[in-house]
Structures are given as C-alpha cells and as structure tokens.
C-alpha cells in the first residue's frame, strides 16, 4: 500500500514541477509522513525531505532543459537569486538537522492554494510593459532578488521546499517574467539547490540511503518522468492554457496537501468530514457521467438542447443524492458553496474558448456561468430553509429532484413533440401542452418516489403530496419567463411539499 502512495506523491510532484516549478517537497513530504508508516519515526520528516529533494534534482533538470530548448530561461535577471539561494541552502539544511524533525510549513501549502486560484482567475501573466529577456535589473530588482534569494535559499535547506513556488512569485510579480520563463528559470535554479540540499541531508543522515534507497529510486524515476511529460506539454501550448492547467493542478494539490497537513485537527470536526463526504459523493457520480457525456457530445449528432438537459439532469440528480446521503444540512450547503467557488473561475477562464459555447450550449455570453451560480444558490437555499429551518431533509432533496428532472423533461419532450402551444396571456406562447404534460408526469414520479421511500409517507399521502406539488410546479414553469423559473419552480415545489408532506 505504501508503494502506491510513493507513486502518487511522485506523480503529483513531477506534474507540479513541470507545469509551475513547484518543489517536489510541497507534495511529497506531507504524503510520505502522513500516509506512510515507515516515515512516521523520529527522523521520518527529515528522510522524506531528503527523498523529495533528490527527486527534485532530475525532475527540475529535465524541466529546465525542456524550457531552455524553447528559450524560456532568463538567467541574467535571475542570477542574483541563483547565487543567494545556492549560498544559503546548505546552511538551512544543517540547521534543520540540529532543530530536528522539520515538517513542511503550512505557509507554503496556503501559498500553493492561493496561487492556484490566482492562475484560474487570471491565467495569463504577461504584462503590457513586460521587460525583455536578459534586460538588466534596476535597483529595486536587485534589492528584491537579494532579499528573497537569501530567505528562499535558507528555506530550501531548512524545510526542503526547493523554493519553487516562492521563486515563481518573485519572477512573475516582482521581476516581470512571463509564466514559462519564470518556471524555466526557477527549475534551473532548483536543479542546483535540490542537489546541494539533498547531498547535505544524506551526508548529515546517511541512513536515508541505507534504509530508503528503494523508495528514493522509485520516487526519482516517477517524478522525473512526470516532470518531463508535463514540461513538454507546457511548452507546446499557449501561456494562457498553461496558466489554466497550472491553476487546476495546483488547486487540487494545494487543497489535498492542506487537508493532509491539518488532518488530525480536521478529522475531529464532524462538519469537515461530512462536507468532504458530500463532495466525494457528488464527484464519484458526476465525473464518470461527464466522462461519458462529453464524448457523446463530440462524437454523435445529439441535438444541442438534449445534451444541455442531460447535463442539467446529471447535476441535479446527483445534487439530490448528495443531500440524501449527507449527515447535516450545514455540510450539504457548504459542499455546494465550495463547488460553486471552484467551478465559477474555471468557467470564467474558459468561456472565451471557441469550443466552450459548443460544448456547453451557451445561449448568450456568460449564460452558462450565470445559470451555474443560480443553480447552486437555489440548492443552498433549499437545503438551508427546507432542511436547516424546517428539519425536512428528504423534502429538500425531493424539491430539487422534481424541479431539475421535471424541467428537463419539459424541454426534452416539448421541443421535438410540442405541436400544441399553450396560448394564454400568462404564457410566452413558446411552451407546449406536450412539454407541460411531460414535466407533470416526471415531477410526480420523482416526488412520489422520494416521499414514499425517503419520507416514509403512506402511498395515499405520497400520491396526494407529489400530485399537488407536481401540478403547481408545472403551472409555475408554464407561466414564468424562462430566465426566472430556476428560482420560482423549486420555491413553489418546496413550499407545497412543506405544507402537505411534512410529518
């Protein structure tokens, strides 16, 4: 089992290095010392750091070589940082051994997560007045290089971070390098710092090689291969794409590392564990569904409205399942909020792509993004009010399910088969009797199923409650403009269920 974690840690470290110049220690150290029993002794953290640094040597070297071939290294603007970091990393390594078992600080983990969000929101780091490659540093640049070079160098040896994330910030924010040039330059420096720091660790504590030589070789091989692959990918695509992929990868890695770092504290919080379970349930179902639906979209001639409603059904069915399996309304609401916070910047970054509107069937600019936010707002409101305020967990799930699947059925049947339009001053004249009938039937079936088996109502009570709720939901959808039915239909459905079905 430990060898599986070695491979996972090395893969994550290599991908982070190749894409963003992330030090292997940021990923590997928390995994090794938390999930691997053989690294939980008095010198476990020190040995994990040494192995991470050794993995950084070849990983950073192949990454730097790949970026250098594509002319994405600027040593003239980074040489002061190089000299300072090299001079201080040995000192930091020796101090770390004197101090004892040094674990990767939470600051670096928080920094990784924050930088990931930054790349998702603004993936392109280029500036209008970006300095030319090799341009001489001004006084401010020299001062910045000296300060950060000395501090990063000491931290490299002391905690085994490699300094990749800090160098990325200094190079892009303070010294004006582009993302690819910053990654190439930082990994070039990391090749030497990791070599010096790893040799220092091994000389100070030779048992690392004697006891963990097989682990070290495995981690070096996997991390190097992953670094080379991700570096080649980064140099073949546009900087904006690199920024987006980097943001997504760092978000996953940063969140996972933070969870591992604070696992003991977080495991004592029922809310955290239940929220994590809710997110896991949601992802466990929705990711395989997307893996099936997306190829269907591009490989078949499925109509656009059908694909759109299929996405709608998948999202809301599994949201209802998440509610039903959650242990508290706070966890379900928090899981929905976290999902919205993560998905929104991703959609915002991708909406300028040509394939975006085709894949997600966007009706107008920003429409998918707004719809997503509205769905999550409604989901959070239903959970908070119906379950949190009135204590009706199953009714919250029933309301979401009746609305989501019923509304999708109205479009799936109404658009191809809706020959008889509903003509009334209260409607827009576009909706059909066929679509409304489909929504009525499907909403009723969804509501009846949840009320009978989830709410434990008698068959007659479930029939009555589901029938009234489905009828009023269908009427509401019929008379509400399309841009507002995302709010009105679930609100009416939830209200009727609370009045009739709550026991």
Protein backbone atom coordinates (compact mmCIF):
# COMPACT_ATOMS: atom_id res chain seq x y z
CA UNK A 1 0.00 0.00 0.00
CA UNK A 2 2.85 2.38 0.80
CA UNK A 3 4.30 1.95 -2.68
CA UNK A 4 1.04 3.22 -4.15
CA UNK A 5 1.42 6.42 -2.11
CA UNK A 6 5.04 6.72 -3.25
CA UNK A 7 3.90 6.67 -6.87
CA UNK A 8 1.01 9.09 -6.28
CA UNK A 9 3.27 11.51 -4.39
CA UNK A 10 5.92 11.35 -7.12
CA UNK A 11 3.40 11.88 -9.91
CA UNK A 12 1.93 14.92 -8.19
CA UNK A 13 5.40 16.30 -7.51
CA UNK A 14 6.55 15.80 -11.09
CA UNK A 15 3.46 17.38 -12.63
CA UNK A 16 3.74 20.36 -10.29
CA UNK A 17 7.41 20.81 -11.18
CA UNK A 18 6.89 20.59 -14.94
CA UNK A 19 3.96 22.98 -15.02
CA UNK A 20 4.71 25.53 -12.31
CA UNK A 21 8.20 24.85 -10.99
CA UNK A 22 6.65 23.54 -7.79
CA UNK A 23 9.10 21.88 -5.42
CA UNK A 24 8.62 18.15 -5.06
CA UNK A 25 8.70 18.55 -1.28
CA UNK A 26 5.47 20.54 -1.31
CA UNK A 27 3.62 17.45 -2.50
CA UNK A 28 5.78 14.52 -1.39
CA UNK A 29 6.62 15.39 2.21
CA UNK A 30 3.03 15.63 3.56
CA UNK A 31 2.00 12.41 1.79
CA UNK A 32 5.02 10.43 2.96
CA UNK A 33 4.92 11.47 6.61
CA UNK A 34 1.13 11.28 6.99
CA UNK A 35 0.15 8.27 4.89
CA UNK A 36 3.27 6.11 5.03
CA UNK A 37 4.02 4.44 8.42
CA UNK A 38 7.70 3.94 7.60
CA UNK A 39 8.17 7.73 7.59
CA UNK A 40 6.49 8.38 10.94
CA UNK A 41 9.57 7.81 13.14
CA UNK A 42 11.72 10.47 14.81
CA UNK A 43 13.65 11.17 11.59
CA UNK A 44 10.79 10.43 9.18
CA UNK A 45 10.21 14.01 8.10
CA UNK A 46 13.94 14.56 7.55
CA UNK A 47 14.16 11.43 5.39
CA UNK A 48 11.03 12.40 3.44
CA UNK A 49 12.53 15.82 2.78
CA UNK A 50 15.78 14.28 1.54
CA UNK A 51 13.93 11.96 -0.85
CA UNK A 52 11.82 14.86 -2.13
CA UNK A 53 14.95 16.94 -2.74
CA UNK A 54 16.64 14.02 -4.52
CA UNK A 55 13.55 13.70 -6.73
CA UNK A 56 13.75 17.42 -7.42
CA UNK A 57 17.24 17.13 -8.86
CA UNK A 58 16.43 15.18 -12.03
CA UNK A 59 12.85 16.44 -12.19
CA UNK A 60 13.99 20.06 -12.18
CA UNK A 61 16.87 19.28 -14.54
CA UNK A 62 14.70 17.74 -17.29
CA UNK A 63 12.14 20.50 -16.80
CA UNK A 64 14.78 23.23 -17.08
CA UNK A 65 16.27 21.52 -20.15
CA UNK A 66 12.86 21.39 -21.84
CA UNK A 67 12.17 25.06 -21.12
CA UNK A 68 15.71 26.01 -22.21
CA UNK A 69 15.22 24.30 -25.58
CA UNK A 70 12.20 26.54 -26.08
CA UNK A 71 14.14 29.63 -24.93
CA UNK A 72 12.20 30.09 -21.72
CA UNK A 73 15.05 30.73 -19.27
CA UNK A 74 16.34 34.16 -18.26
CA UNK A 75 19.46 33.77 -16.11
CA UNK A 76 20.51 37.40 -16.49
CA UNK A 77 17.51 38.53 -14.47
CA UNK A 78 17.70 35.53 -12.16
CA UNK A 79 21.42 35.20 -11.46
CA UNK A 80 21.37 37.16 -8.19
CA UNK A 81 18.63 34.85 -6.92
CA UNK A 82 20.71 31.88 -8.06
CA UNK A 83 23.83 32.97 -6.16
CA UNK A 84 21.92 33.85 -2.96
CA UNK A 85 19.90 30.66 -2.93
CA UNK A 86 22.91 28.42 -3.55
CA UNK A 87 24.86 30.10 -0.75
CA UNK A 88 22.14 29.66 1.87
CA UNK A 89 20.55 26.26 1.19
CA UNK A 90 23.40 24.29 2.85
CA UNK A 91 23.12 26.44 5.95
CA UNK A 92 19.41 25.77 6.12
CA UNK A 93 19.92 22.03 5.72
CA UNK A 94 22.37 21.88 8.64
CA UNK A 95 20.12 23.98 10.89
CA UNK A 96 17.19 21.68 10.06
CA UNK A 97 19.07 18.65 11.33
CA UNK A 98 20.04 20.46 14.56
CA UNK A 99 16.44 21.54 15.16
CA UNK A 100 15.09 18.04 14.48
CA UNK A 101 12.07 16.75 12.62
CA UNK A 102 11.13 19.70 10.42
CA UNK A 103 7.83 19.43 8.59
CA UNK A 104 6.82 21.49 5.58
CA UNK A 105 5.27 24.69 6.88
CA UNK A 106 1.63 25.49 6.35
CA UNK A 107 2.57 28.84 4.80
CA UNK A 108 3.90 27.11 1.67
CA UNK A 109 0.75 25.00 1.40
CA UNK A 110 -1.53 28.01 1.73
CA UNK A 111 0.64 29.83 -0.79
CA UNK A 112 0.28 26.98 -3.28
CA UNK A 113 -3.51 27.02 -2.94
CA UNK A 114 -3.76 30.82 -3.23
CA UNK A 115 -1.52 30.88 -6.30
CA UNK A 116 -3.72 28.21 -7.90
CA UNK A 117 -6.80 30.41 -7.55
CA UNK A 118 -4.86 33.31 -8.99
CA UNK A 119 -3.99 31.30 -12.13
CA UNK A 120 -7.60 30.15 -12.54
CA UNK A 121 -8.86 33.74 -12.40
CA UNK A 122 -6.02 35.26 -14.44
CA UNK A 123 -4.14 32.52 -16.30
CA UNK A 124 -2.13 34.90 -18.49
CA UNK A 125 0.71 36.55 -16.51
CA UNK A 126 2.04 38.67 -19.37
CA UNK A 127 2.18 42.46 -18.95
CA UNK A 128 1.91 45.29 -21.40
CA UNK A 129 5.26 46.70 -20.18
CA UNK A 130 6.92 43.36 -19.57
CA UNK A 131 10.74 43.68 -19.53
CA UNK A 132 12.69 41.98 -22.28
CA UNK A 133 14.50 38.74 -21.60
CA UNK A 134 18.02 39.46 -20.35
CA UNK A 135 17.23 43.08 -19.51
CA UNK A 136 19.38 44.39 -16.67
CA UNK A 137 17.77 44.60 -13.22
CA UNK A 138 17.17 48.02 -11.73
CA UNK A 139 17.90 48.83 -8.07
CA UNK A 140 14.52 47.61 -6.95
CA UNK A 141 15.00 44.34 -8.80
CA UNK A 142 18.43 43.85 -7.23
CA UNK A 143 17.05 44.50 -3.73
CA UNK A 144 14.16 42.11 -4.30
CA UNK A 145 16.50 39.43 -5.63
CA UNK A 146 18.86 39.75 -2.66
CA UNK A 147 16.11 39.63 -0.04
CA UNK A 148 14.13 36.77 -1.50
CA UNK A 149 17.22 34.90 -2.67
CA UNK A 150 18.66 34.70 0.84
CA UNK A 151 15.35 33.79 2.52
CA UNK A 152 14.34 31.25 -0.12
CA UNK A 153 17.81 29.70 -0.02
CA UNK A 154 17.66 29.17 3.72
CA UNK A 155 14.12 27.78 3.48
CA UNK A 156 15.22 25.38 0.75
CA UNK A 157 17.67 23.69 3.05
CA UNK A 158 15.70 24.10 6.26
CA UNK A 159 12.33 22.75 5.11
CA UNK A 160 13.30 21.16 1.81
CA UNK A 161 10.80 23.21 -0.18
CA UNK A 162 13.08 23.81 -3.14
CA UNK A 163 11.68 27.35 -3.20
CA UNK A 164 9.88 26.81 -6.49
CA UNK A 165 6.62 28.48 -5.57
CA UNK A 166 8.30 31.49 -3.97
CA UNK A 167 10.62 31.89 -6.96
CA UNK A 168 7.62 31.74 -9.29
CA UNK A 169 6.03 34.63 -7.40
CA UNK A 170 9.23 36.70 -7.33
CA UNK A 171 9.94 36.17 -11.01
CA UNK A 172 6.41 36.87 -12.26
CA UNK A 173 5.22 39.54 -9.82
CA UNK A 174 8.40 41.43 -8.92
CA UNK A 175 10.79 40.81 -11.82
CA UNK A 176 8.21 40.82 -14.62
CA UNK A 177 8.92 37.45 -16.23
CA UNK A 178 6.31 35.54 -18.18
CA UNK A 179 4.99 32.31 -16.69
CA UNK A 180 7.01 29.96 -18.91
CA UNK A 181 10.22 31.94 -18.44
CA UNK A 182 9.65 32.06 -14.68
CA UNK A 183 9.13 28.30 -14.50
CA UNK A 184 12.17 27.59 -16.66
CA UNK A 185 14.42 29.89 -14.64
CA UNK A 186 13.19 28.65 -11.26
CA UNK A 187 13.60 24.98 -12.18
CA UNK A 188 17.12 25.69 -13.44
CA UNK A 189 17.96 27.15 -10.02
CA UNK A 190 16.11 24.34 -8.25
CA UNK A 191 18.29 21.76 -10.00
CA UNK A 192 21.33 23.02 -8.10
CA UNK A 193 19.62 23.87 -4.84
CA UNK A 194 17.96 20.48 -4.70
CA UNK A 195 21.29 18.79 -5.46
CA UNK A 196 23.14 20.69 -2.72
CA UNK A 197 20.35 20.28 -0.17
CA UNK A 198 19.80 16.58 -0.88
CA UNK A 199 23.53 15.79 -0.67
CA UNK A 200 23.70 17.77 2.59
CA UNK A 201 20.76 15.82 4.01
CA UNK A 202 22.30 12.49 3.00
CA UNK A 203 25.76 13.34 4.38
CA UNK A 204 24.27 14.52 7.65
CA UNK A 205 21.99 11.47 7.93
CA UNK A 206 23.38 8.60 5.76
CA UNK A 207 20.66 6.20 6.94
CA UNK A 208 18.42 7.78 4.33
CA UNK A 209 20.29 5.95 1.56
CA UNK A 210 20.85 2.76 3.54
CA UNK A 211 17.25 2.37 4.72
CA UNK A 212 15.21 4.02 1.95
CA UNK A 213 17.26 3.51 -1.22
CA UNK A 214 14.43 1.67 -3.00
CA UNK A 215 11.90 4.38 -2.16
CA UNK A 216 14.32 7.07 -3.30
CA UNK A 217 14.96 5.40 -6.66
CA UNK A 218 11.23 4.88 -7.29
CA UNK A 219 10.34 8.46 -6.42
CA UNK A 220 13.17 9.88 -8.55
CA UNK A 221 12.15 7.80 -11.58
CA UNK A 222 8.43 8.59 -11.40
CA UNK A 223 8.88 12.28 -10.58
CA UNK A 224 11.39 12.74 -13.40
CA UNK A 225 9.11 11.12 -15.98
CA UNK A 226 6.13 13.17 -14.83
CA UNK A 227 8.18 16.39 -14.87
CA UNK A 228 9.41 15.77 -18.41
CA UNK A 229 5.94 14.98 -19.72
CA UNK A 230 4.25 18.00 -18.12
CA UNK A 231 7.11 20.33 -19.16
CA UNK A 232 6.79 19.23 -22.79
CA UNK A 233 3.07 19.81 -22.63
CA UNK A 234 3.55 23.29 -21.14
CA UNK A 235 5.94 24.32 -23.92
CA UNK A 236 3.63 23.16 -26.71
CA UNK A 237 0.56 25.16 -25.70
CA UNK A 238 -0.22 28.83 -25.18
CA UNK A 239 0.69 30.60 -21.94
CA UNK A 240 -2.99 31.07 -21.10
CA UNK A 241 -3.58 27.32 -21.36
CA UNK A 242 -0.54 26.66 -19.18
CA UNK A 243 -1.94 29.09 -16.61
CA UNK A 244 -5.33 27.38 -16.57
CA UNK A 245 -3.89 23.88 -16.29
CA UNK A 246 -1.43 25.08 -13.65
CA UNK A 247 -4.27 26.64 -11.66
CA UNK A 248 -6.33 23.46 -11.80
CA UNK A 249 -3.40 21.22 -10.84
CA UNK A 250 -2.25 23.48 -8.01
CA UNK A 251 -5.80 23.77 -6.68
CA UNK A 252 -6.07 20.00 -6.39
CA UNK A 253 -2.55 19.60 -4.99
CA UNK A 254 -2.82 22.56 -2.63
CA UNK A 255 -6.20 21.50 -1.26
CA UNK A 256 -5.04 17.91 -0.81
CA UNK A 257 -1.82 18.96 0.93
CA UNK A 258 -3.66 21.31 3.28
CA UNK A 259 -6.10 18.55 4.16
CA UNK A 260 -3.21 16.19 4.90
CA UNK A 261 -1.31 18.82 6.88
CA UNK A 262 -4.29 19.51 9.15
CA UNK A 263 -5.76 16.01 9.04
CA UNK A 264 -5.60 15.43 12.78
CA UNK A 265 -7.42 18.68 13.51
CA UNK A 266 -9.91 18.37 10.67
CA UNK A 267 -10.70 14.73 11.42
CA UNK A 268 -12.06 15.83 14.79
CA UNK A 269 -14.59 18.09 13.06
CA UNK A 270 -17.78 16.23 12.05
CA UNK A 271 -18.71 19.13 9.76
CA UNK A 272 -15.46 18.89 7.82
CA UNK A 273 -15.67 15.11 7.45
CA UNK A 274 -19.30 15.23 6.34
CA UNK A 275 -18.59 18.05 3.89
CA UNK A 276 -15.73 16.03 2.46
CA UNK A 277 -18.07 13.04 2.18
CA UNK A 278 -20.67 15.16 0.35
CA UNK A 279 -18.11 16.39 -2.15
CA UNK A 280 -16.86 12.83 -2.60
CA UNK A 281 -20.37 11.52 -3.30
CA UNK A 282 -21.00 14.30 -5.80
CA UNK A 283 -17.69 13.79 -7.63
CA UNK A 284 -17.92 10.00 -7.55
CA UNK A 285 -21.06 10.16 -9.69
CA UNK A 286 -20.70 13.32 -11.74
CA UNK A 287 -17.15 12.78 -13.03
CA UNK A 288 -17.89 9.38 -14.65
CA UNK A 289 -21.10 10.86 -16.07
CA UNK A 290 -19.19 13.74 -17.65
CA UNK A 291 -16.62 11.30 -18.99
CA UNK A 292 -19.47 9.61 -20.85
CA UNK A 293 -21.45 12.71 -21.89
CA UNK A 294 -18.59 14.79 -23.30
CA UNK A 295 -17.51 12.18 -25.89
CA UNK A 296 -21.18 11.74 -26.80
CA UNK A 297 -21.38 15.47 -27.50
CA UNK A 298 -18.44 15.48 -29.92
CA UNK A 299 -18.78 12.01 -31.44
CA UNK A 300 -22.52 11.92 -32.13
CA UNK A 301 -25.14 14.19 -33.62
CA UNK A 302 -27.12 14.54 -30.42
CA UNK A 303 -29.14 17.81 -30.56
CA UNK A 304 -27.75 20.70 -28.52
CA UNK A 305 -30.81 21.05 -26.31
CA UNK A 306 -30.71 17.32 -25.48
CA UNK A 307 -27.09 17.49 -24.35
CA UNK A 308 -27.77 20.62 -22.32
CA UNK A 309 -30.66 18.98 -20.49
CA UNK A 310 -28.66 15.81 -19.94
CA UNK A 311 -26.08 17.93 -18.10
CA UNK A 312 -28.93 19.56 -16.18
CA UNK A 313 -30.34 16.19 -15.13
CA UNK A 314 -26.95 14.78 -14.10
CA UNK A 315 -26.08 17.81 -11.96
CA UNK A 316 -29.38 17.99 -10.10
CA UNK A 317 -29.96 14.25 -9.68
CA UNK A 318 -26.59 13.88 -8.02
CA UNK A 319 -27.15 17.06 -6.01
CA UNK A 320 -30.31 15.44 -4.63
CA UNK A 321 -28.36 12.26 -3.89
CA UNK A 322 -25.76 14.34 -2.07
CA UNK A 323 -28.49 15.87 0.11
CA UNK A 324 -29.99 12.48 0.91
CA UNK A 325 -26.63 10.99 1.94
CA UNK A 326 -25.41 13.97 3.96
CA UNK A 327 -25.45 13.86 7.76
CA UNK A 328 -26.12 17.58 8.24
CA UNK A 329 -27.62 20.43 6.27
CA UNK A 330 -24.58 22.59 7.00
CA UNK A 331 -22.31 20.08 5.26
CA UNK A 332 -24.56 19.82 2.20
CA UNK A 333 -24.80 23.61 1.88
CA UNK A 334 -21.06 24.05 2.41
CA UNK A 335 -20.26 21.39 -0.20
CA UNK A 336 -22.45 23.22 -2.73
CA UNK A 337 -20.75 26.52 -1.88
CA UNK A 338 -17.28 25.02 -2.31
CA UNK A 339 -18.29 23.54 -5.67
CA UNK A 340 -19.56 26.94 -6.85
CA UNK A 341 -16.38 28.71 -5.72
CA UNK A 342 -14.21 26.22 -7.62
CA UNK A 343 -16.32 25.95 -10.78
CA UNK A 344 -17.04 29.65 -11.33
CA UNK A 345 -13.44 30.82 -12.00
CA UNK A 346 -12.90 27.79 -14.22
CA UNK A 347 -15.93 28.67 -16.37
CA UNK A 348 -14.93 32.32 -16.41
CA UNK A 349 -11.48 31.41 -17.72
CA UNK A 350 -12.78 29.02 -20.39
CA UNK A 351 -15.72 30.99 -21.75
CA UNK A 352 -13.58 32.76 -24.37
CA UNK A 353 -12.65 29.45 -25.98
CA UNK A 354 -14.46 28.62 -29.22
CA UNK A 355 -15.34 25.10 -28.10
CA UNK A 356 -16.83 26.34 -24.81
CA UNK A 357 -20.13 27.58 -26.25
CA UNK A 358 -20.39 24.49 -28.44
CA UNK A 359 -19.77 22.03 -25.63
CA UNK A 360 -21.99 23.67 -23.01
CA UNK A 361 -24.59 25.03 -25.47
CA UNK A 362 -24.35 28.62 -24.31
CA UNK A 363 -27.33 30.73 -25.39
CA UNK A 364 -25.67 34.10 -24.77
CA UNK A 365 -22.31 35.36 -23.44
CA UNK A 366 -21.93 34.40 -19.77
CA UNK A 367 -25.23 32.48 -19.71
CA UNK A 368 -23.74 29.15 -18.57
CA UNK A 369 -21.78 30.83 -15.80
CA UNK A 370 -24.85 32.70 -14.53
CA UNK A 371 -27.01 29.59 -14.72
CA UNK A 372 -24.48 27.60 -12.75
CA UNK A 373 -24.37 30.21 -9.99
CA UNK A 374 -28.16 30.37 -9.87
CA UNK A 375 -28.45 26.58 -9.58
CA UNK A 376 -26.02 26.48 -6.66
CA UNK A 377 -27.76 29.42 -4.96
CA UNK A 378 -31.11 27.62 -5.24
CA UNK A 379 -29.53 24.39 -4.00
CA UNK A 380 -28.01 26.12 -0.96
CA UNK A 381 -31.27 27.97 -0.23
CA UNK A 382 -33.36 24.78 -0.44
CA UNK A 383 -31.02 22.91 1.89
CA UNK A 384 -30.79 25.79 4.36
CA UNK A 385 -34.52 26.55 4.52
CA UNK A 386 -36.25 23.22 3.96
CA UNK A 387 -33.76 21.09 5.90
CA UNK A 388 -31.99 23.59 8.14
CA UNK A 389 -35.03 25.64 9.18
CA UNK A 390 -37.81 23.05 8.97
CA UNK A 391 -35.80 19.89 9.51
CA UNK A 392 -37.02 18.13 6.35
CA UNK A 393 -34.01 16.52 4.66
CA UNK A 394 -35.96 14.34 2.23
CA UNK A 395 -38.24 17.17 1.18
CA UNK A 396 -35.25 19.33 0.27
CA UNK A 397 -33.96 16.55 -1.98
CA UNK A 398 -37.45 15.95 -3.41
CA UNK A 399 -37.91 19.61 -4.31
CA UNK A 400 -34.56 19.76 -6.15
CA UNK A 401 -35.23 16.46 -7.95
CA UNK A 402 -38.78 17.37 -9.02
CA UNK A 403 -37.66 20.72 -10.34
CA UNK A 404 -34.47 19.58 -12.06
CA UNK A 405 -35.70 16.44 -13.78
CA UNK A 406 -39.18 17.81 -14.44
CA UNK A 407 -37.90 20.97 -16.10
CA UNK A 408 -35.53 18.91 -18.27
CA UNK A 409 -38.39 16.60 -19.29
CA UNK A 410 -40.46 19.60 -20.38
CA UNK A 411 -37.74 20.61 -22.84
CA UNK A 412 -36.85 17.09 -24.00
CA UNK A 413 -40.48 16.33 -24.89
CA UNK A 414 -41.75 19.81 -25.63
CA UNK A 415 -39.16 20.86 -28.21
CA UNK A 416 -39.42 17.85 -30.58
CA UNK A 417 -43.05 16.86 -29.91
CA UNK A 418 -44.69 20.08 -28.77
CA UNK A 419 -47.20 20.66 -31.56
CA UNK A 420 -49.86 22.34 -29.43
CA UNK A 421 -48.71 25.62 -27.90
CA UNK A 422 -50.26 26.94 -24.72
CA UNK A 423 -51.99 30.15 -25.76
CA UNK A 424 -52.66 32.41 -22.83
CA UNK A 425 -51.87 35.93 -21.71
CA UNK A 426 -49.95 34.40 -18.80
CA UNK A 427 -47.52 32.46 -21.02
CA UNK A 428 -44.98 33.46 -23.66
CA UNK A 429 -46.60 31.28 -26.34
CA UNK A 430 -43.49 29.11 -26.76
CA UNK A 431 -44.32 26.35 -24.31
CA UNK A 432 -46.48 23.38 -25.28
CA UNK A 433 -49.07 21.15 -23.68
CA UNK A 434 -46.88 18.14 -24.51
CA UNK A 435 -43.90 19.59 -22.65
CA UNK A 436 -46.04 20.53 -19.66
CA UNK A 437 -47.54 17.06 -19.54
CA UNK A 438 -44.07 15.52 -19.55
CA UNK A 439 -42.98 17.76 -16.70
CA UNK A 440 -46.11 16.92 -14.70
CA UNK A 441 -45.58 13.16 -15.11
CA UNK A 442 -41.84 13.12 -14.44
CA UNK A 443 -42.03 15.54 -11.50
CA UNK A 444 -44.79 13.44 -9.97
CA UNK A 445 -42.78 10.21 -10.30
CA UNK A 446 -39.67 11.78 -8.78
CA UNK A 447 -41.59 13.31 -5.89
CA UNK A 448 -43.65 10.19 -5.22
CA UNK A 449 -40.52 8.01 -5.08
CA UNK A 450 -38.72 10.21 -2.56
CA UNK A 451 -41.81 10.79 -0.42
CA UNK A 452 -42.71 7.11 -0.31
CA UNK A 453 -39.29 5.61 0.39
CA UNK A 454 -37.38 8.58 1.81
CA UNK A 455 -40.01 10.50 3.75
CA UNK A 456 -41.78 7.24 4.69
CA UNK A 457 -45.27 8.54 3.84
CA UNK A 458 -48.17 6.23 3.21
CA UNK A 459 -48.86 5.59 -0.50
CA UNK A 460 -52.02 7.72 -0.46
CA UNK A 461 -50.29 10.61 1.33
CA UNK A 462 -47.32 10.40 -1.05
CA UNK A 463 -49.65 10.34 -4.08
CA UNK A 464 -51.56 13.40 -2.84
CA UNK A 465 -48.46 15.44 -1.92
CA UNK A 466 -46.50 14.58 -5.06
CA UNK A 467 -49.52 15.19 -7.29
CA UNK A 468 -50.26 18.67 -5.91
CA UNK A 469 -46.60 19.68 -5.86
CA UNK A 470 -46.03 18.44 -9.43
CA UNK A 471 -49.15 20.20 -10.71
CA UNK A 472 -48.26 23.55 -9.13
CA UNK A 473 -44.61 23.23 -10.21
CA UNK A 474 -45.74 22.60 -13.79
CA UNK A 475 -48.11 25.57 -13.69
CA UNK A 476 -45.38 27.78 -12.29
CA UNK A 477 -42.95 26.71 -15.02
CA UNK A 478 -45.61 27.37 -17.62
CA UNK A 479 -46.33 30.97 -16.62
CA UNK A 480 -42.82 32.00 -15.51
CA UNK A 481 -40.37 33.50 -18.04
CA UNK A 482 -37.51 31.09 -18.77
CA UNK A 483 -34.89 33.27 -17.08
CA UNK A 484 -36.74 33.15 -13.75
CA UNK A 485 -38.09 29.60 -13.49
CA UNK A 486 -34.82 28.43 -11.92
CA UNK A 487 -35.99 30.29 -8.80
CA UNK A 488 -39.78 30.14 -8.93
CA UNK A 489 -40.27 26.41 -9.69
CA UNK A 490 -38.13 24.98 -6.84
CA UNK A 491 -39.52 27.61 -4.44
CA UNK A 492 -43.14 26.64 -5.19
CA UNK A 493 -42.32 22.92 -5.12
CA UNK A 494 -40.57 23.19 -1.76
CA UNK A 495 -43.37 25.28 -0.29
CA UNK A 496 -46.10 22.83 -1.32
CA UNK A 497 -44.14 19.84 -0.03
CA UNK A 498 -43.60 21.55 3.34
CA UNK A 499 -47.32 22.25 3.65
CA UNK A 500 -48.57 18.82 2.60
CA UNK A 501 -45.80 16.27 3.05
CA UNK A 502 -44.06 17.31 6.28
CA UNK A 503 -44.90 15.00 9.15
